[in-house]
Amino acid sequence: WKKFFTYQVKQTQDSLLIHLQDRNPQVAKACKT
């Protein structure tokens, strides 16, 4: 599933960047991991 998941991650890149600054500290920490 590497090719499939690579595409999904690239589609999710903006969400990952946004939620690094999530209003909930626990969500931000999980996002960073």
ModelCIF file with pLDDT and N, C-alpha, C, O atoms, coordinates in Angstrom:
data_MODEL
#
_entry.id   MODEL 
#
_entity.id                         1 
_entity.type                       polymer 
_entity.pdbx_number_of_molecules   1 
#
_entity_poly.entity_id                      1 
_entity_poly.type                           'polypeptide(L)' 
_entity_poly.nstd_linkage                   no 
_entity_poly.nstd_monomer                   no 
_entity_poly.pdbx_seq_one_letter_code       WKKFFTYQVKQTQDSLLIHLQDRNPQVAKACKT 
_entity_poly.pdbx_seq_one_letter_code_can   WKKFFTYQVKQTQDSLLIHLQDRNPQVAKACKT 
_entity_poly.pdbx_strand_id                 A 
#
loop_
_entity_poly_seq.entity_id 
_entity_poly_seq.num 
_entity_poly_seq.mon_id 
_entity_poly_seq.hetero 
1 1  TRP n 
1 2  LYS n 
1 3  LYS n 
1 4  PHE n 
1 5  PHE n 
1 6  THR n 
1 7  TYR n 
1 8  GLN n 
1 9  VAL n 
1 10 LYS n 
1 11 GLN n 
1 12 THR n 
1 13 GLN n 
1 14 ASP n 
1 15 SER n 
1 16 LEU n 
1 17 LEU n 
1 18 ILE n 
1 19 HIS n 
1 20 LEU n 
1 21 GLN n 
1 22 ASP n 
1 23 ARG n 
1 24 ASN n 
1 25 PRO n 
1 26 GLN n 
1 27 VAL n 
1 28 ALA n 
1 29 LYS n 
1 30 ALA n 
1 31 CYS n 
1 32 LYS n 
1 33 THR n 
#
_struct_asym.id          A 
_struct_asym.entity_id   1 
#
loop_
_ma_qa_metric.id 
_ma_qa_metric.mode 
_ma_qa_metric.name 
_ma_qa_metric.software_group_id 
_ma_qa_metric.type 
1 global pLDDT . pLDDT 
2 local  pLDDT . pLDDT 
#
_ma_qa_metric_global.metric_id      1 
_ma_qa_metric_global.metric_value   91.12 
_ma_qa_metric_global.model_id       1 
_ma_qa_metric_global.ordinal_id     1 
#
loop_
_ma_qa_metric_local.label_asym_id 
_ma_qa_metric_local.label_comp_id 
_ma_qa_metric_local.label_seq_id 
_ma_qa_metric_local.metric_id 
_ma_qa_metric_local.metric_value 
_ma_qa_metric_local.model_id 
_ma_qa_metric_local.ordinal_id 
A TRP 1  2 89.00 1 1  
A LYS 2  2 90.00 1 2  
A LYS 3  2 90.00 1 3  
A PHE 4  2 92.00 1 4  
A PHE 5  2 93.00 1 5  
A THR 6  2 92.00 1 6  
A TYR 7  2 92.00 1 7  
A GLN 8  2 92.00 1 8  
A VAL 9  2 92.00 1 9  
A LYS 10 2 89.00 1 10 
A GLN 11 2 90.00 1 11 
A THR 12 2 90.00 1 12 
A GLN 13 2 87.00 1 13 
A ASP 14 2 86.00 1 14 
A SER 15 2 90.00 1 15 
A LEU 16 2 89.00 1 16 
A LEU 17 2 86.00 1 17 
A ILE 18 2 88.00 1 18 
A HIS 19 2 92.00 1 19 
A LEU 20 2 88.00 1 20 
A GLN 21 2 87.00 1 21 
A ASP 22 2 92.00 1 22 
A ARG 23 2 93.00 1 23 
A ASN 24 2 96.00 1 24 
A PRO 25 2 95.00 1 25 
A GLN 26 2 96.00 1 26 
A VAL 27 2 95.00 1 27 
A ALA 28 2 93.00 1 28 
A LYS 29 2 93.00 1 29 
A ALA 30 2 95.00 1 30 
A CYS 31 2 93.00 1 31 
A LYS 32 2 90.00 1 32 
A THR 33 2 92.00 1 33 
#
loop_
_atom_site.group_PDB 
_atom_site.id 
_atom_site.type_symbol 
_atom_site.label_atom_id 
_atom_site.label_alt_id 
_atom_site.label_comp_id 
_atom_site.label_asym_id 
_atom_site.label_entity_id 
_atom_site.label_seq_id 
_atom_site.pdbx_PDB_ins_code 
_atom_site.Cartn_x 
_atom_site.Cartn_y 
_atom_site.Cartn_z 
_atom_site.occupancy 
_atom_site.B_iso_or_equiv 
_atom_site.pdbx_formal_charge 
_atom_site.auth_seq_id 
_atom_site.auth_comp_id 
_atom_site.auth_asym_id 
_atom_site.auth_atom_id 
_atom_site.pdbx_PDB_model_num 
ATOM 1   N N  . TRP A 1 1  ? 0.807  -1.215 0.000  1.00 89.00 ? 1  TRP A N  1 
ATOM 2   C CA . TRP A 1 1  ? 0.000  0.000  0.000  1.00 89.00 ? 1  TRP A CA 1 
ATOM 3   C C  . TRP A 1 1  ? 0.842  1.267  0.000  1.00 89.00 ? 1  TRP A C  1 
ATOM 4   O O  . TRP A 1 1  ? 0.309  2.355  0.217  1.00 89.00 ? 1  TRP A O  1 
ATOM 5   N N  . LYS A 1 2  ? 2.144  1.151  -0.238 1.00 90.00 ? 2  LYS A N  1 
ATOM 6   C CA . LYS A 1 2  ? 3.033  2.311  -0.160 1.00 90.00 ? 2  LYS A CA 1 
ATOM 7   C C  . LYS A 1 2  ? 2.626  3.417  -1.135 1.00 90.00 ? 2  LYS A C  1 
ATOM 8   O O  . LYS A 1 2  ? 2.539  4.583  -0.752 1.00 90.00 ? 2  LYS A O  1 
ATOM 9   N N  . LYS A 1 3  ? 2.378  3.051  -2.387 1.00 90.00 ? 3  LYS A N  1 
ATOM 10  C CA . LYS A 1 3  ? 2.020  4.052  -3.398 1.00 90.00 ? 3  LYS A CA 1 
ATOM 11  C C  . LYS A 1 3  ? 0.700  4.726  -3.042 1.00 90.00 ? 3  LYS A C  1 
ATOM 12  O O  . LYS A 1 3  ? 0.571  5.947  -3.132 1.00 90.00 ? 3  LYS A O  1 
ATOM 13  N N  . PHE A 1 4  ? -0.278 3.921  -2.639 1.00 92.00 ? 4  PHE A N  1 
ATOM 14  C CA . PHE A 1 4  ? -1.586 4.454  -2.249 1.00 92.00 ? 4  PHE A CA 1 
ATOM 15  C C  . PHE A 1 4  ? -1.457 5.395  -1.059 1.00 92.00 ? 4  PHE A C  1 
ATOM 16  O O  . PHE A 1 4  ? -2.022 6.488  -1.062 1.00 92.00 ? 4  PHE A O  1 
ATOM 17  N N  . PHE A 1 5  ? -0.706 4.967  -0.034 1.00 93.00 ? 5  PHE A N  1 
ATOM 18  C CA . PHE A 1 5  ? -0.606 5.771  1.179  1.00 93.00 ? 5  PHE A CA 1 
ATOM 19  C C  . PHE A 1 5  ? 0.220  7.032  0.956  1.00 93.00 ? 5  PHE A C  1 
ATOM 20  O O  . PHE A 1 5  ? -0.044 8.070  1.564  1.00 93.00 ? 5  PHE A O  1 
ATOM 21  N N  . THR A 1 6  ? 1.215  6.941  0.087  1.00 92.00 ? 6  THR A N  1 
ATOM 22  C CA . THR A 1 6  ? 2.010  8.136  -0.242 1.00 92.00 ? 6  THR A CA 1 
ATOM 23  C C  . THR A 1 6  ? 1.112  9.226  -0.809 1.00 92.00 ? 6  THR A C  1 
ATOM 24  O O  . THR A 1 6  ? 1.240  10.397 -0.451 1.00 92.00 ? 6  THR A O  1 
ATOM 25  N N  . TYR A 1 7  ? 0.210  8.835  -1.690 1.00 92.00 ? 7  TYR A N  1 
ATOM 26  C CA . TYR A 1 7  ? -0.735 9.802  -2.273 1.00 92.00 ? 7  TYR A CA 1 
ATOM 27  C C  . TYR A 1 7  ? -1.644 10.371 -1.185 1.00 92.00 ? 7  TYR A C  1 
ATOM 28  O O  . TYR A 1 7  ? -1.911 11.573 -1.172 1.00 92.00 ? 7  TYR A O  1 
ATOM 29  N N  . GLN A 1 8  ? -2.125 9.520  -0.272 1.00 92.00 ? 8  GLN A N  1 
ATOM 30  C CA . GLN A 1 8  ? -3.006 9.979  0.795  1.00 92.00 ? 8  GLN A CA 1 
ATOM 31  C C  . GLN A 1 8  ? -2.302 10.966 1.726  1.00 92.00 ? 8  GLN A C  1 
ATOM 32  O O  . GLN A 1 8  ? -2.905 11.946 2.164  1.00 92.00 ? 8  GLN A O  1 
ATOM 33  N N  . VAL A 1 9  ? -1.036 10.710 2.027  1.00 92.00 ? 9  VAL A N  1 
ATOM 34  C CA . VAL A 1 9  ? -0.273 11.610 2.898  1.00 92.00 ? 9  VAL A CA 1 
ATOM 35  C C  . VAL A 1 9  ? -0.087 12.966 2.234  1.00 92.00 ? 9  VAL A C  1 
ATOM 36  O O  . VAL A 1 9  ? -0.229 14.005 2.878  1.00 92.00 ? 9  VAL A O  1 
ATOM 37  N N  . LYS A 1 10 ? 0.229  12.953 0.951  1.00 89.00 ? 10 LYS A N  1 
ATOM 38  C CA . LYS A 1 10 ? 0.427  14.221 0.245  1.00 89.00 ? 10 LYS A CA 1 
ATOM 39  C C  . LYS A 1 10 ? -0.879 15.012 0.153  1.00 89.00 ? 10 LYS A C  1 
ATOM 40  O O  . LYS A 1 10 ? -0.869 16.243 0.162  1.00 89.00 ? 10 LYS A O  1 
ATOM 41  N N  . GLN A 1 11 ? -1.996 14.299 0.065  1.00 90.00 ? 11 GLN A N  1 
ATOM 42  C CA . GLN A 1 11 ? -3.296 14.971 0.078  1.00 90.00 ? 11 GLN A CA 1 
ATOM 43  C C  . GLN A 1 11 ? -3.634 15.518 1.461  1.00 90.00 ? 11 GLN A C  1 
ATOM 44  O O  . GLN A 1 11 ? -4.446 16.432 1.600  1.00 90.00 ? 11 GLN A O  1 
ATOM 45  N N  . THR A 1 12 ? -3.003 14.949 2.471  1.00 90.00 ? 12 THR A N  1 
ATOM 46  C CA . THR A 1 12 ? -3.279 15.321 3.862  1.00 90.00 ? 12 THR A CA 1 
ATOM 47  C C  . THR A 1 12 ? -2.281 16.339 4.391  1.00 90.00 ? 12 THR A C  1 
ATOM 48  O O  . THR A 1 12 ? -2.412 16.791 5.529  1.00 90.00 ? 12 THR A O  1 
ATOM 49  N N  . GLN A 1 13 ? -1.308 16.702 3.610  1.00 87.00 ? 13 GLN A N  1 
ATOM 50  C CA . GLN A 1 13 ? -0.214 17.559 4.066  1.00 87.00 ? 13 GLN A CA 1 
ATOM 51  C C  . GLN A 1 13 ? -0.697 18.856 4.700  1.00 87.00 ? 13 GLN A C  1 
ATOM 52  O O  . GLN A 1 13 ? -0.169 19.274 5.730  1.00 87.00 ? 13 GLN A O  1 
ATOM 53  N N  . ASP A 1 14 ? -1.691 19.496 4.099  1.00 86.00 ? 14 ASP A N  1 
ATOM 54  C CA . ASP A 1 14 ? -2.204 20.759 4.646  1.00 86.00 ? 14 ASP A CA 1 
ATOM 55  C C  . ASP A 1 14 ? -2.819 20.563 6.030  1.00 86.00 ? 14 ASP A C  1 
ATOM 56  O O  . ASP A 1 14 ? -2.628 21.387 6.925  1.00 86.00 ? 14 ASP A O  1 
ATOM 57  N N  . SER A 1 15 ? -3.563 19.458 6.200  1.00 90.00 ? 15 SER A N  1 
ATOM 58  C CA . SER A 1 15 ? -4.167 19.174 7.504  1.00 90.00 ? 15 SER A CA 1 
ATOM 59  C C  . SER A 1 15 ? -3.100 18.941 8.558  1.00 90.00 ? 15 SER A C  1 
ATOM 60  O O  . SER A 1 15 ? -3.231 19.389 9.697  1.00 90.00 ? 15 SER A O  1 
ATOM 61  N N  . LEU A 1 16 ? -2.048 18.240 8.173  1.00 89.00 ? 16 LEU A N  1 
ATOM 62  C CA . LEU A 1 16 ? -0.953 17.990 9.109  1.00 89.00 ? 16 LEU A CA 1 
ATOM 63  C C  . LEU A 1 16 ? -0.302 19.290 9.559  1.00 89.00 ? 16 LEU A C  1 
ATOM 64  O O  . LEU A 1 16 ? 0.012  19.458 10.738 1.00 89.00 ? 16 LEU A O  1 
ATOM 65  N N  . LEU A 1 17 ? -0.100 20.207 8.623  1.00 86.00 ? 17 LEU A N  1 
ATOM 66  C CA . LEU A 1 17 ? 0.517  21.494 8.953  1.00 86.00 ? 17 LEU A CA 1 
ATOM 67  C C  . LEU A 1 17 ? -0.400 22.349 9.830  1.00 86.00 ? 17 LEU A C  1 
ATOM 68  O O  . LEU A 1 17 ? 0.051  22.966 10.796 1.00 86.00 ? 17 LEU A O  1 
ATOM 69  N N  . ILE A 1 18 ? -1.679 22.379 9.488  1.00 88.00 ? 18 ILE A N  1 
ATOM 70  C CA . ILE A 1 18 ? -2.643 23.187 10.249 1.00 88.00 ? 18 ILE A CA 1 
ATOM 71  C C  . ILE A 1 18 ? -2.735 22.728 11.693 1.00 88.00 ? 18 ILE A C  1 
ATOM 72  O O  . ILE A 1 18 ? -2.724 23.543 12.615 1.00 88.00 ? 18 ILE A O  1 
ATOM 73  N N  . HIS A 1 19 ? -2.828 21.404 11.887 1.00 92.00 ? 19 HIS A N  1 
ATOM 74  C CA . HIS A 1 19 ? -3.087 20.894 13.238 1.00 92.00 ? 19 HIS A CA 1 
ATOM 75  C C  . HIS A 1 19 ? -1.836 20.754 14.094 1.00 92.00 ? 19 HIS A C  1 
ATOM 76  O O  . HIS A 1 19 ? -1.912 20.331 15.247 1.00 92.00 ? 19 HIS A O  1 
ATOM 77  N N  . LEU A 1 20 ? -0.681 21.111 13.530 1.00 88.00 ? 20 LEU A N  1 
ATOM 78  C CA . LEU A 1 20 ? 0.489  21.269 14.387 1.00 88.00 ? 20 LEU A CA 1 
ATOM 79  C C  . LEU A 1 20 ? 0.264  22.410 15.372 1.00 88.00 ? 20 LEU A C  1 
ATOM 80  O O  . LEU A 1 20 ? 0.888  22.478 16.431 1.00 88.00 ? 20 LEU A O  1 
ATOM 81  N N  . GLN A 1 21 ? -0.659 23.318 14.985 1.00 87.00 ? 21 GLN A N  1 
ATOM 82  C CA . GLN A 1 21 ? -1.040 24.452 15.839 1.00 87.00 ? 21 GLN A CA 1 
ATOM 83  C C  . GLN A 1 21 ? -2.482 24.297 16.337 1.00 87.00 ? 21 GLN A C  1 
ATOM 84  O O  . GLN A 1 21 ? -3.164 25.292 16.582 1.00 87.00 ? 21 GLN A O  1 
ATOM 85  N N  . ASP A 1 22 ? -2.939 23.063 16.486 1.00 92.00 ? 22 ASP A N  1 
ATOM 86  C CA . ASP A 1 22 ? -4.318 22.812 16.907 1.00 92.00 ? 22 ASP A CA 1 
ATOM 87  C C  . ASP A 1 22 ? -4.622 23.475 18.250 1.00 92.00 ? 22 ASP A C  1 
ATOM 88  O O  . ASP A 1 22 ? -3.757 23.574 19.120 1.00 92.00 ? 22 ASP A O  1 
ATOM 89  N N  . ARG A 1 23 ? -5.868 23.927 18.399 1.00 93.00 ? 23 ARG A N  1 
ATOM 90  C CA . ARG A 1 23 ? -6.274 24.592 19.641 1.00 93.00 ? 23 ARG A CA 1 
ATOM 91  C C  . ARG A 1 23 ? -6.200 23.647 20.843 1.00 93.00 ? 23 ARG A C  1 
ATOM 92  O O  . ARG A 1 23 ? -6.062 24.091 21.982 1.00 93.00 ? 23 ARG A O  1 
ATOM 93  N N  . ASN A 1 24 ? -6.294 22.340 20.576 1.00 96.00 ? 24 ASN A N  1 
ATOM 94  C CA . ASN A 1 24 ? -6.196 21.352 21.648 1.00 96.00 ? 24 ASN A CA 1 
ATOM 95  C C  . ASN A 1 24 ? -4.758 20.827 21.712 1.00 96.00 ? 24 ASN A C  1 
ATOM 96  O O  . ASN A 1 24 ? -4.284 20.234 20.743 1.00 96.00 ? 24 ASN A O  1 
ATOM 97  N N  . PRO A 1 25 ? -4.058 21.030 22.826 1.00 95.00 ? 25 PRO A N  1 
ATOM 98  C CA . PRO A 1 25 ? -2.649 20.621 22.922 1.00 95.00 ? 25 PRO A CA 1 
ATOM 99  C C  . PRO A 1 25 ? -2.418 19.134 22.662 1.00 95.00 ? 25 PRO A C  1 
ATOM 100 O O  . PRO A 1 25 ? -1.401 18.749 22.085 1.00 95.00 ? 25 PRO A O  1 
ATOM 101 N N  . GLN A 1 26 ? -3.383 18.289 23.098 1.00 96.00 ? 26 GLN A N  1 
ATOM 102 C CA . GLN A 1 26 ? -3.235 16.851 22.891 1.00 96.00 ? 26 GLN A CA 1 
ATOM 103 C C  . GLN A 1 26 ? -3.314 16.491 21.412 1.00 96.00 ? 26 GLN A C  1 
ATOM 104 O O  . GLN A 1 26 ? -2.583 15.626 20.928 1.00 96.00 ? 26 GLN A O  1 
ATOM 105 N N  . VAL A 1 27 ? -4.220 17.173 20.699 1.00 95.00 ? 27 VAL A N  1 
ATOM 106 C CA . VAL A 1 27 ? -4.350 16.938 19.250 1.00 95.00 ? 27 VAL A CA 1 
ATOM 107 C C  . VAL A 1 27 ? -3.077 17.399 18.541 1.00 95.00 ? 27 VAL A C  1 
ATOM 108 O O  . VAL A 1 27 ? -2.571 16.711 17.655 1.00 95.00 ? 27 VAL A O  1 
ATOM 109 N N  . ALA A 1 28 ? -2.558 18.575 18.938 1.00 93.00 ? 28 ALA A N  1 
ATOM 110 C CA . ALA A 1 28 ? -1.334 19.096 18.333 1.00 93.00 ? 28 ALA A CA 1 
ATOM 111 C C  . ALA A 1 28 ? -0.161 18.128 18.550 1.00 93.00 ? 28 ALA A C  1 
ATOM 112 O O  . ALA A 1 28 ? 0.653  17.917 17.651 1.00 93.00 ? 28 ALA A O  1 
ATOM 113 N N  . LYS A 1 29 ? -0.087 17.548 19.747 1.00 93.00 ? 29 LYS A N  1 
ATOM 114 C CA . LYS A 1 29 ? 0.977  16.589 20.052 1.00 93.00 ? 29 LYS A CA 1 
ATOM 115 C C  . LYS A 1 29 ? 0.830  15.326 19.206 1.00 93.00 ? 29 LYS A C  1 
ATOM 116 O O  . LYS A 1 29 ? 1.812  14.806 18.676 1.00 93.00 ? 29 LYS A O  1 
ATOM 117 N N  . ALA A 1 30 ? -0.407 14.837 19.084 1.00 95.00 ? 30 ALA A N  1 
ATOM 118 C CA . ALA A 1 30 ? -0.649 13.639 18.265 1.00 95.00 ? 30 ALA A CA 1 
ATOM 119 C C  . ALA A 1 30 ? -0.332 13.908 16.802 1.00 95.00 ? 30 ALA A C  1 
ATOM 120 O O  . ALA A 1 30 ? 0.195  13.043 16.103 1.00 95.00 ? 30 ALA A O  1 
ATOM 121 N N  . CYS A 1 31 ? -0.657 15.120 16.341 1.00 93.00 ? 31 CYS A N  1 
ATOM 122 C CA . CYS A 1 31 ? -0.379 15.511 14.960 1.00 93.00 ? 31 CYS A CA 1 
ATOM 123 C C  . CYS A 1 31 ? 1.124  15.525 14.705 1.00 93.00 ? 31 CYS A C  1 
ATOM 124 O O  . CYS A 1 31 ? 1.588  15.068 13.660 1.00 93.00 ? 31 CYS A O  1 
ATOM 125 N N  . LYS A 1 32 ? 1.877  16.047 15.658 1.00 90.00 ? 32 LYS A N  1 
ATOM 126 C CA . LYS A 1 32 ? 3.335  16.118 15.504 1.00 90.00 ? 32 LYS A CA 1 
ATOM 127 C C  . LYS A 1 32 ? 3.934  14.716 15.392 1.00 90.00 ? 32 LYS A C  1 
ATOM 128 O O  . LYS A 1 32 ? 4.811  14.473 14.563 1.00 90.00 ? 32 LYS A O  1 
ATOM 129 N N  . THR A 1 33 ? 3.456  13.801 16.229 1.00 92.00 ? 33 THR A N  1 
ATOM 130 C CA . THR A 1 33 ? 3.932  12.413 16.189 1.00 92.00 ? 33 THR A CA 1 
ATOM 131 C C  . THR A 1 33 ? 3.590  11.764 14.856 1.00 92.00 ? 33 THR A C  1 
ATOM 132 O O  . THR A 1 33 ? 3.911  10.596 14.638 1.00 92.00 ? 33 THR A O  1 
#
